[in-house]
PDB file of N, CA and C in Angstrom:
ATOM      1  N   MET A   1     -23.158   4.329  43.423  1.00  0.00           N
ATOM      2  CA  MET A   1     -23.267   5.859  43.606  1.00  0.00           C
ATOM      3  C   MET A   1     -21.755   6.267  44.322  1.00  0.00           C
ATOM      4  N   VAL A   2     -21.569   7.609  44.099  1.00  0.00           N
ATOM      5  CA  VAL A   2     -20.348   8.163  44.488  1.00  0.00           C
ATOM      6  C   VAL A   2     -20.683   8.914  45.645  1.00  0.00           C
ATOM      7  N   TYR A   3     -19.799   8.764  46.638  1.00  0.00           N
ATOM      8  CA  TYR A   3     -20.019   9.680  47.789  1.00  0.00           C
ATOM      9  C   TYR A   3     -18.618   9.956  48.393  1.00  0.00           C
ATOM     10  N   LYS A   4     -18.801  11.309  49.208  1.00  0.00           N
ATOM     11  CA  LYS A   4     -17.465  11.823  49.588  1.00  0.00           C
ATOM     12  C   LYS A   4     -16.990  11.255  50.882  1.00  0.00           C
ATOM     13  N   GLN A   5     -18.016  10.996  51.786  1.00  0.00           N
ATOM     14  CA  GLN A   5     -17.589  10.676  53.157  1.00  0.00           C
ATOM     15  C   GLN A   5     -18.694   9.759  53.724  1.00  0.00           C
ATOM     16  N   GLU A   6     -18.182   8.489  54.346  1.00  0.00           N
ATOM     17  CA  GLU A   6     -19.157   7.704  54.985  1.00  0.00           C
ATOM     18  C   GLU A   6     -18.754   7.662  56.298  1.00  0.00           C
ATOM     19  N   VAL A   7     -19.773   7.725  57.455  1.00  0.00           N
ATOM     20  CA  VAL A   7     -19.451   7.813  58.765  1.00  0.00           C
ATOM     21  C   VAL A   7     -20.488   6.439  59.364  1.00  0.00           C
ATOM     22  N   SER A   8     -19.827   5.618  59.906  1.00  0.00           N
ATOM     23  CA  SER A   8     -20.744   4.658  60.559  1.00  0.00           C
ATOM     24  C   SER A   8     -21.307   5.013  61.850  1.00  0.00           C
ATOM     25  N   ALA A   9     -22.622   4.784  61.930  1.00  0.00           N
ATOM     26  CA  ALA A   9     -23.474   5.303  63.097  1.00  0.00           C
ATOM     27  C   ALA A   9     -23.006   4.345  64.285  1.00  0.00           C
ATOM     28  N   ASN A  10     -22.213   3.141  64.047  1.00  0.00           N
ATOM     29  CA  ASN A  10     -21.812   2.276  65.031  1.00  0.00           C
ATOM     30  C   ASN A  10     -20.428   3.048  65.819  1.00  0.00           C
ATOM     31  N   ASN A  11     -19.790   3.553  64.824  1.00  0.00           N
ATOM     32  CA  ASN A  11     -18.373   4.194  65.337  1.00  0.00           C
ATOM     33  C   ASN A  11     -18.533   5.616  65.907  1.00  0.00           C
ATOM     34  N   ALA A  12     -19.319   6.287  65.248  1.00  0.00           N
ATOM     35  CA  ALA A  12     -19.275   7.861  65.456  1.00  0.00           C
ATOM     36  C   ALA A  12     -20.844   8.332  65.709  1.00  0.00           C
ATOM     37  N   ARG A  13     -20.836   8.897  67.105  1.00  0.00           N
ATOM     38  CA  ARG A  13     -22.038   9.386  67.664  1.00  0.00           C
ATOM     39  C   ARG A  13     -22.100  10.783  67.217  1.00  0.00           C
ATOM     40  N   LEU A  14     -23.161  11.343  66.537  1.00  0.00           N
ATOM     41  CA  LEU A  14     -23.508  12.700  66.297  1.00  0.00           C
ATOM     42  C   LEU A  14     -24.712  13.122  67.029  1.00  0.00           C
ATOM     43  N   GLY A  15     -24.309  14.182  67.840  1.00  0.00           N
ATOM     44  CA  GLY A  15     -25.208  14.446  68.881  1.00  0.00           C
ATOM     45  C   GLY A  15     -25.917  15.937  68.369  1.00  0.00           C
ATOM     46  N   ALA A  16     -26.413  16.587  69.245  1.00  0.00           N
ATOM     47  CA  ALA A  16     -27.342  17.793  68.770  1.00  0.00           C
ATOM     48  C   ALA A  16     -26.644  18.864  68.291  1.00  0.00           C
ATOM     49  N   GLU A  17     -25.361  19.001  68.767  1.00  0.00           N
ATOM     50  CA  GLU A  17     -24.391  20.268  68.252  1.00  0.00           C
ATOM     51  C   GLU A  17     -23.986  19.733  66.723  1.00  0.00           C
ATOM     52  N   ASP A  18     -23.739  18.453  66.466  1.00  0.00           N
ATOM     53  CA  ASP A  18     -23.461  18.210  65.140  1.00  0.00           C
ATOM     54  C   ASP A  18     -24.866  18.373  64.183  1.00  0.00           C
ATOM     55  N   ALA A  19     -25.852  17.803  64.730  1.00  0.00           N
ATOM     56  CA  ALA A  19     -27.147  17.809  63.845  1.00  0.00           C
ATOM     57  C   ALA A  19     -27.535  19.396  63.613  1.00  0.00           C
ATOM     58  N   LEU A  20     -27.277  20.252  64.463  1.00  0.00           N
ATOM     59  CA  LEU A  20     -27.541  21.773  64.175  1.00  0.00           C
ATOM     60  C   LEU A  20     -26.638  21.965  63.263  1.00  0.00           C
ATOM     61  N   ARG A  21     -25.210  21.679  63.319  1.00  0.00           N
ATOM     62  CA  ARG A  21     -24.150  22.379  62.403  1.00  0.00           C
ATOM     63  C   ARG A  21     -24.556  21.811  60.947  1.00  0.00           C
ATOM     64  N   LEU A  22     -24.878  20.691  60.905  1.00  0.00           N
ATOM     65  CA  LEU A  22     -25.399  20.065  59.557  1.00  0.00           C
ATOM     66  C   LEU A  22     -26.684  20.657  59.076  1.00  0.00           C
ATOM     67  N   SER A  23     -27.299  20.984  59.976  1.00  0.00           N
ATOM     68  CA  SER A  23     -28.782  21.644  59.400  1.00  0.00           C
ATOM     69  C   SER A  23     -28.524  23.014  59.019  1.00  0.00           C
ATOM     70  N   ARG A  24     -27.412  23.598  59.272  1.00  0.00           N
ATOM     71  CA  ARG A  24     -27.215  25.134  59.001  1.00  0.00           C
ATOM     72  C   ARG A  24     -26.213  25.226  57.551  1.00  0.00           C
ATOM     73  N   GLU A  25     -25.915  23.810  57.333  1.00  0.00           N
ATOM     74  CA  GLU A  25     -25.094  23.842  56.060  1.00  0.00           C
ATOM     75  C   GLU A  25     -26.209  23.552  54.704  1.00  0.00           C
ATOM     76  N   VAL A  26     -27.338  23.144  54.952  1.00  0.00           N
ATOM     77  CA  VAL A  26     -28.122  22.883  53.872  1.00  0.00           C
ATOM     78  C   VAL A  26     -29.474  23.660  53.743  1.00  0.00           C
ATOM     79  N   THR A  27     -30.158  23.822  52.574  1.00  0.00           N
ATOM     80  CA  THR A  27     -31.357  24.562  52.471  1.00  0.00           C
ATOM     81  C   THR A  27     -32.534  23.899  52.662  1.00  0.00           C
ATOM     82  N   LYS A  28     -32.516  22.419  52.693  1.00  0.00           N
ATOM     83  CA  LYS A  28     -33.746  21.799  52.859  1.00  0.00           C
ATOM     84  C   LYS A  28     -33.299  20.665  53.756  1.00  0.00           C
ATOM     85  N   ILE A  29     -34.392  20.303  54.523  1.00  0.00           N
ATOM     86  CA  ILE A  29     -34.068  19.143  55.432  1.00  0.00           C
ATOM     87  C   ILE A  29     -35.398  18.036  55.131  1.00  0.00           C
ATOM     88  N   VAL A  30     -35.257  16.942  54.917  1.00  0.00           N
ATOM     89  CA  VAL A  30     -36.321  15.974  54.912  1.00  0.00           C
ATOM     90  C   VAL A  30     -36.119  14.926  55.926  1.00  0.00           C
ATOM     91  N   VAL A  31     -37.149  14.659  56.638  1.00  0.00           N
ATOM     92  CA  VAL A  31     -37.090  13.671  57.826  1.00  0.00           C
ATOM     93  C   VAL A  31     -38.076  12.767  57.702  1.00  0.00           C
ATOM     94  N   ALA A  32     -37.811  11.648  57.717  1.00  0.00           N
ATOM     95  CA  ALA A  32     -38.783  10.363  57.850  1.00  0.00           C
ATOM     96  C   ALA A  32     -38.861   9.659  59.080  1.00  0.00           C
ATOM     97  N   LYS A  33     -39.983   9.745  59.791  1.00  0.00           N
ATOM     98  CA  LYS A  33     -40.312   9.227  61.019  1.00  0.00           C
ATOM     99  C   LYS A  33     -41.357   8.212  61.048  1.00  0.00           C
ATOM    100  N   GLY A  34     -41.079   6.829  60.914  1.00  0.00           N
ATOM    101  CA  GLY A  34     -42.162   6.007  60.575  1.00  0.00           C
ATOM    102  C   GLY A  34     -42.896   6.412  59.142  1.00  0.00           C
ATOM    103  N   LYS A  35     -44.168   6.607  59.100  1.00  0.00           N
ATOM    104  CA  LYS A  35     -44.905   6.735  57.866  1.00  0.00           C
ATOM    105  C   LYS A  35     -44.877   8.464  57.593  1.00  0.00           C
ATOM    106  N   LYS A  36     -44.466   9.031  58.692  1.00  0.00           N
ATOM    107  CA  LYS A  36     -44.646  10.701  58.457  1.00  0.00           C
ATOM    108  C   LYS A  36     -43.275  10.965  57.926  1.00  0.00           C
ATOM    109  N   ILE A  37     -43.580  12.062  57.009  1.00  0.00           N
ATOM    110  CA  ILE A  37     -42.491  12.760  56.181  1.00  0.00           C
ATOM    111  C   ILE A  37     -42.388  14.188  56.499  1.00  0.00           C
ATOM    112  N   VAL A  38     -41.459  14.850  57.195  1.00  0.00           N
ATOM    113  CA  VAL A  38     -41.543  16.303  57.387  1.00  0.00           C
ATOM    114  C   VAL A  38     -40.425  16.950  56.754  1.00  0.00           C
ATOM    115  N   THR A  39     -40.823  18.003  56.082  1.00  0.00           N
ATOM    116  CA  THR A  39     -39.792  18.877  55.177  1.00  0.00           C
ATOM    117  C   THR A  39     -39.613  20.219  55.848  1.00  0.00           C
ATOM    118  N   PHE A  40     -38.332  20.593  56.081  1.00  0.00           N
ATOM    119  CA  PHE A  40     -37.962  21.903  56.562  1.00  0.00           C
ATOM    120  C   PHE A  40     -37.245  22.735  55.492  1.00  0.00           C
ATOM    121  N   ASP A  41     -37.730  23.981  55.082  1.00  0.00           N
ATOM    122  CA  ASP A  41     -37.304  24.662  54.277  1.00  0.00           C
ATOM    123  C   ASP A  41     -36.275  25.733  55.236  1.00  0.00           C
ATOM    124  N   MET A  42     -35.120  25.579  54.906  1.00  0.00           N
ATOM    125  CA  MET A  42     -34.217  26.322  55.897  1.00  0.00           C
ATOM    126  C   MET A  42     -33.872  27.806  55.447  1.00  0.00           C
ATOM    127  N   LYS A  43     -34.158  27.923  54.180  1.00  0.00           N
ATOM    128  CA  LYS A  43     -34.090  29.462  53.952  1.00  0.00           C
ATOM    129  C   LYS A  43     -35.437  30.069  54.222  1.00  0.00           C
ATOM    130  N   LYS A  44     -36.327  29.612  53.935  1.00  0.00           N
ATOM    131  CA  LYS A  44     -37.546  30.550  53.775  1.00  0.00           C
ATOM    132  C   LYS A  44     -38.262  30.394  55.191  1.00  0.00           C
ATOM    133  N   ASP A  45     -38.381  29.220  55.849  1.00  0.00           N
ATOM    134  CA  ASP A  45     -39.016  29.256  57.135  1.00  0.00           C
ATOM    135  C   ASP A  45     -38.239  28.070  58.096  1.00  0.00           C
ATOM    136  N   PRO A  46     -37.087  28.810  58.605  1.00  0.00           N
ATOM    137  CA  PRO A  46     -36.193  27.740  59.415  1.00  0.00           C
ATOM    138  C   PRO A  46     -37.054  27.408  60.781  1.00  0.00           C
ATOM    139  N   PRO A  47     -37.006  26.258  61.153  1.00  0.00           N
ATOM    140  CA  PRO A  47     -37.467  25.801  62.501  1.00  0.00           C
ATOM    141  C   PRO A  47     -36.873  26.314  63.653  1.00  0.00           C
ATOM    142  N   SER A  48     -37.386  26.403  64.838  1.00  0.00           N
ATOM    143  CA  SER A  48     -36.291  26.649  65.958  1.00  0.00           C
ATOM    144  C   SER A  48     -35.528  25.341  66.188  1.00  0.00           C
ATOM    145  N   ASP A  49     -34.460  25.582  66.838  1.00  0.00           N
ATOM    146  CA  ASP A  49     -33.465  24.809  67.246  1.00  0.00           C
ATOM    147  C   ASP A  49     -34.315  23.244  67.975  1.00  0.00           C
ATOM    148  N   ASP A  50     -34.929  23.676  68.774  1.00  0.00           N
ATOM    149  CA  ASP A  50     -35.586  22.424  69.595  1.00  0.00           C
ATOM    150  C   ASP A  50     -36.717  21.770  68.356  1.00  0.00           C
ATOM    151  N   ALA A  51     -37.494  22.399  67.730  1.00  0.00           N
ATOM    152  CA  ALA A  51     -38.223  21.660  66.626  1.00  0.00           C
ATOM    153  C   ALA A  51     -37.465  20.647  65.798  1.00  0.00           C
ATOM    154  N   LEU A  52     -36.264  21.408  65.431  1.00  0.00           N
ATOM    155  CA  LEU A  52     -35.281  20.814  64.439  1.00  0.00           C
ATOM    156  C   LEU A  52     -34.655  19.537  65.195  1.00  0.00           C
ATOM    157  N   LEU A  53     -34.274  19.573  66.223  1.00  0.00           N
ATOM    158  CA  LEU A  53     -33.853  18.608  67.093  1.00  0.00           C
ATOM    159  C   LEU A  53     -34.602  17.578  67.445  1.00  0.00           C
ATOM    160  N   ALA A  54     -35.742  17.840  67.542  1.00  0.00           N
ATOM    161  CA  ALA A  54     -36.766  16.962  67.944  1.00  0.00           C
ATOM    162  C   ALA A  54     -37.179  16.046  66.811  1.00  0.00           C
ATOM    163  N   ALA A  55     -37.002  16.567  65.569  1.00  0.00           N
ATOM    164  CA  ALA A  55     -37.231  15.734  64.304  1.00  0.00           C
ATOM    165  C   ALA A  55     -35.667  14.906  64.032  1.00  0.00           C
ATOM    166  N   LEU A  56     -34.707  15.558  64.288  1.00  0.00           N
ATOM    167  CA  LEU A  56     -33.468  14.881  63.777  1.00  0.00           C
ATOM    168  C   LEU A  56     -32.658  13.933  64.970  1.00  0.00           C
ATOM    169  N   LEU A  57     -33.115  14.022  66.144  1.00  0.00           N
ATOM    170  CA  LEU A  57     -32.376  13.215  67.039  1.00  0.00           C
ATOM    171  C   LEU A  57     -33.268  12.179  67.369  1.00  0.00           C
ATOM    172  N   GLY A  58     -32.771  10.810  67.416  1.00  0.00           N
ATOM    173  CA  GLY A  58     -33.461   9.706  67.957  1.00  0.00           C
ATOM    174  C   GLY A  58     -33.448   9.602  69.584  1.00  0.00           C
ATOM    175  N   PRO A  59     -33.954   8.435  70.274  1.00  0.00           N
ATOM    176  CA  PRO A  59     -34.273   8.374  71.499  1.00  0.00           C
ATOM    177  C   PRO A  59     -32.887   8.570  72.463  1.00  0.00           C
ATOM    178  N   THR A  60     -31.904   8.049  71.796  1.00  0.00           N
ATOM    179  CA  THR A  60     -30.451   8.227  72.403  1.00  0.00           C
ATOM    180  C   THR A  60     -29.869   9.603  72.502  1.00  0.00           C
ATOM    181  N   GLY A  61     -30.526  10.418  71.787  1.00  0.00           N
ATOM    182  CA  GLY A  61     -29.933  11.885  71.601  1.00  0.00           C
ATOM    183  C   GLY A  61     -29.028  12.138  70.669  1.00  0.00           C
ATOM    184  N   ASN A  62     -28.766  11.027  69.873  1.00  0.00           N
ATOM    185  CA  ASN A  62     -27.852  10.920  68.411  1.00  0.00           C
ATOM    186  C   ASN A  62     -28.650  11.166  67.259  1.00  0.00           C
ATOM    187  N   LEU A  63     -28.007  11.680  66.281  1.00  0.00           N
ATOM    188  CA  LEU A  63     -28.651  11.780  64.943  1.00  0.00           C
ATOM    189  C   LEU A  63     -29.109  10.630  64.457  1.00  0.00           C
ATOM    190  N   ARG A  64     -30.379  10.605  63.942  1.00  0.00           N
ATOM    191  CA  ARG A  64     -31.148   9.352  63.604  1.00  0.00           C
ATOM    192  C   ARG A  64     -30.254   8.896  62.301  1.00  0.00           C
ATOM    193  N   ALA A  65     -30.186   7.673  61.936  1.00  0.00           N
ATOM    194  CA  ALA A  65     -29.686   6.952  60.984  1.00  0.00           C
ATOM    195  C   ALA A  65     -30.924   6.277  59.983  1.00  0.00           C
ATOM    196  N   PRO A  66     -30.689   6.222  58.803  1.00  0.00           N
ATOM    197  CA  PRO A  66     -29.437   6.888  57.990  1.00  0.00           C
ATOM    198  C   PRO A  66     -29.703   8.566  57.844  1.00  0.00           C
ATOM    199  N   THR A  67     -28.691   9.162  57.523  1.00  0.00           N
ATOM    200  CA  THR A  67     -28.629  10.428  57.283  1.00  0.00           C
ATOM    201  C   THR A  67     -27.673  10.719  56.042  1.00  0.00           C
ATOM    202  N   ILE A  68     -28.282  11.286  55.115  1.00  0.00           N
ATOM    203  CA  ILE A  68     -27.615  11.355  53.868  1.00  0.00           C
ATOM    204  C   ILE A  68     -27.688  12.758  53.392  1.00  0.00           C
ATOM    205  N   ARG A  69     -26.472  13.510  52.989  1.00  0.00           N
ATOM    206  CA  ARG A  69     -26.670  14.752  52.412  1.00  0.00           C
ATOM    207  C   ARG A  69     -26.353  14.769  51.016  1.00  0.00           C
ATOM    208  N   LYS A  70     -27.251  15.355  50.297  1.00  0.00           N
ATOM    209  CA  LYS A  70     -27.091  15.471  48.824  1.00  0.00           C
ATOM    210  C   LYS A  70     -27.180  16.712  48.152  1.00  0.00           C
ATOM    211  N   GLY A  71     -26.204  17.320  48.120  1.00  0.00           N
ATOM    212  CA  GLY A  71     -26.040  18.801  47.561  1.00  0.00           C
ATOM    213  C   GLY A  71     -26.416  19.566  48.729  1.00  0.00           C
ATOM    214  N   MET A  72     -27.468  20.308  48.591  1.00  0.00           N
ATOM    215  CA  MET A  72     -28.080  21.188  49.850  1.00  0.00           C
ATOM    216  C   MET A  72     -29.301  20.695  50.574  1.00  0.00           C
ATOM    217  N   THR A  73     -29.295  19.123  50.273  1.00  0.00           N
ATOM    218  CA  THR A  73     -30.686  18.582  50.943  1.00  0.00           C
ATOM    219  C   THR A  73     -30.074  17.459  51.904  1.00  0.00           C
ATOM    220  N   LEU A  74     -30.800  17.433  53.138  1.00  0.00           N
ATOM    221  CA  LEU A  74     -30.270  16.610  54.014  1.00  0.00           C
ATOM    222  C   LEU A  74     -31.479  15.658  54.389  1.00  0.00           C
ATOM    223  N   LEU A  75     -31.189  14.329  54.106  1.00  0.00           N
ATOM    224  CA  LEU A  75     -32.355  13.209  54.372  1.00  0.00           C
ATOM    225  C   LEU A  75     -31.968  12.594  55.696  1.00  0.00           C
ATOM    226  N   VAL A  76     -33.026  12.563  56.469  1.00  0.00           N
ATOM    227  CA  VAL A  76     -32.762  11.849  57.821  1.00  0.00           C
ATOM    228  C   VAL A  76     -33.860  10.804  57.930  1.00  0.00           C
ATOM    229  N   GLY A  77     -33.506   9.548  58.142  1.00  0.00           N
ATOM    230  CA  GLY A  77     -34.445   8.562  58.399  1.00  0.00           C
ATOM    231  C   GLY A  77     -34.413   7.745  56.973  1.00  0.00           C
ATOM    232  N   PHE A  78     -35.401   6.758  57.043  1.00  0.00           N
ATOM    233  CA  PHE A  78     -35.491   5.892  55.823  1.00  0.00           C
ATOM    234  C   PHE A  78     -36.988   5.856  55.174  1.00  0.00           C
ATOM    235  N   ASP A  79     -37.246   6.459  54.146  1.00  0.00           N
ATOM    236  CA  ASP A  79     -38.480   6.064  53.438  1.00  0.00           C
ATOM    237  C   ASP A  79     -38.081   5.903  52.007  1.00  0.00           C
ATOM    238  N   GLU A  80     -38.608   5.011  51.442  1.00  0.00           N
ATOM    239  CA  GLU A  80     -38.232   4.619  50.107  1.00  0.00           C
ATOM    240  C   GLU A  80     -38.644   5.503  49.138  1.00  0.00           C
ATOM    241  N   GLU A  81     -39.952   6.088  49.247  1.00  0.00           N
ATOM    242  CA  GLU A  81     -40.582   7.031  48.398  1.00  0.00           C
ATOM    243  C   GLU A  81     -39.852   8.461  48.453  1.00  0.00           C
ATOM    244  N   MET A  82     -39.351   8.625  49.610  1.00  0.00           N
ATOM    245  CA  MET A  82     -38.532   9.892  50.033  1.00  0.00           C
ATOM    246  C   MET A  82     -37.242  10.045  49.136  1.00  0.00           C
ATOM    247  N   TYR A  83     -36.658   8.810  49.350  1.00  0.00           N
ATOM    248  CA  TYR A  83     -35.240   8.616  48.536  1.00  0.00           C
ATOM    249  C   TYR A  83     -35.426   8.750  47.141  1.00  0.00           C
ATOM    250  N   ARG A  84     -36.554   8.059  46.552  1.00  0.00           N
ATOM    251  CA  ARG A  84     -36.755   8.107  45.031  1.00  0.00           C
ATOM    252  C   ARG A  84     -36.951   9.331  44.769  1.00  0.00           C
ATOM    253  N   GLY A  85     -37.776  10.383  45.375  1.00  0.00           N
ATOM    254  CA  GLY A  85     -37.996  11.843  44.986  1.00  0.00           C
ATOM    255  C   GLY A  85     -36.615  12.416  45.012  1.00  0.00           C
ATOM    256  N   VAL A  86     -35.414  12.172  45.752  1.00  0.00           N
ATOM    257  CA  VAL A  86     -34.243  12.766  45.826  1.00  0.00           C
ATOM    258  C   VAL A  86     -33.265  12.120  44.718  1.00  0.00           C
ATOM    259  N   PHE A  87     -33.288  10.903  44.556  1.00  0.00           N
ATOM    260  CA  PHE A  87     -32.216  10.418  43.826  1.00  0.00           C
ATOM    261  C   PHE A  87     -32.603   9.910  42.231  1.00  0.00           C
ATOM    262  N   GLU A  88     -33.832  10.101  42.079  1.00  0.00           N
ATOM    263  CA  GLU A  88     -34.339   9.871  40.567  1.00  0.00           C
ATOM    264  C   GLU A  88     -34.380  10.950  39.700  1.00  0.00           C
TER     265      GLU A  88
END
């Protein structure tokens, strides 16, 4: 896979401000939390900042890992099926 930028979650902590900035650069956000997958349409029905941060941030207040941006889609968390839907 070719990627433009890799940021280690161990070395760089991305907080609420960074998460909101990233969310404003995409049209779709897909978040996996456990077995639950939530999709946000940032053009048609953008959520409130509080709802978005509740989904994007972990208990430490940092952006949850892994986080991948592919085009105009932001993937947060890991779910194999979610990744297949975006990368296949």
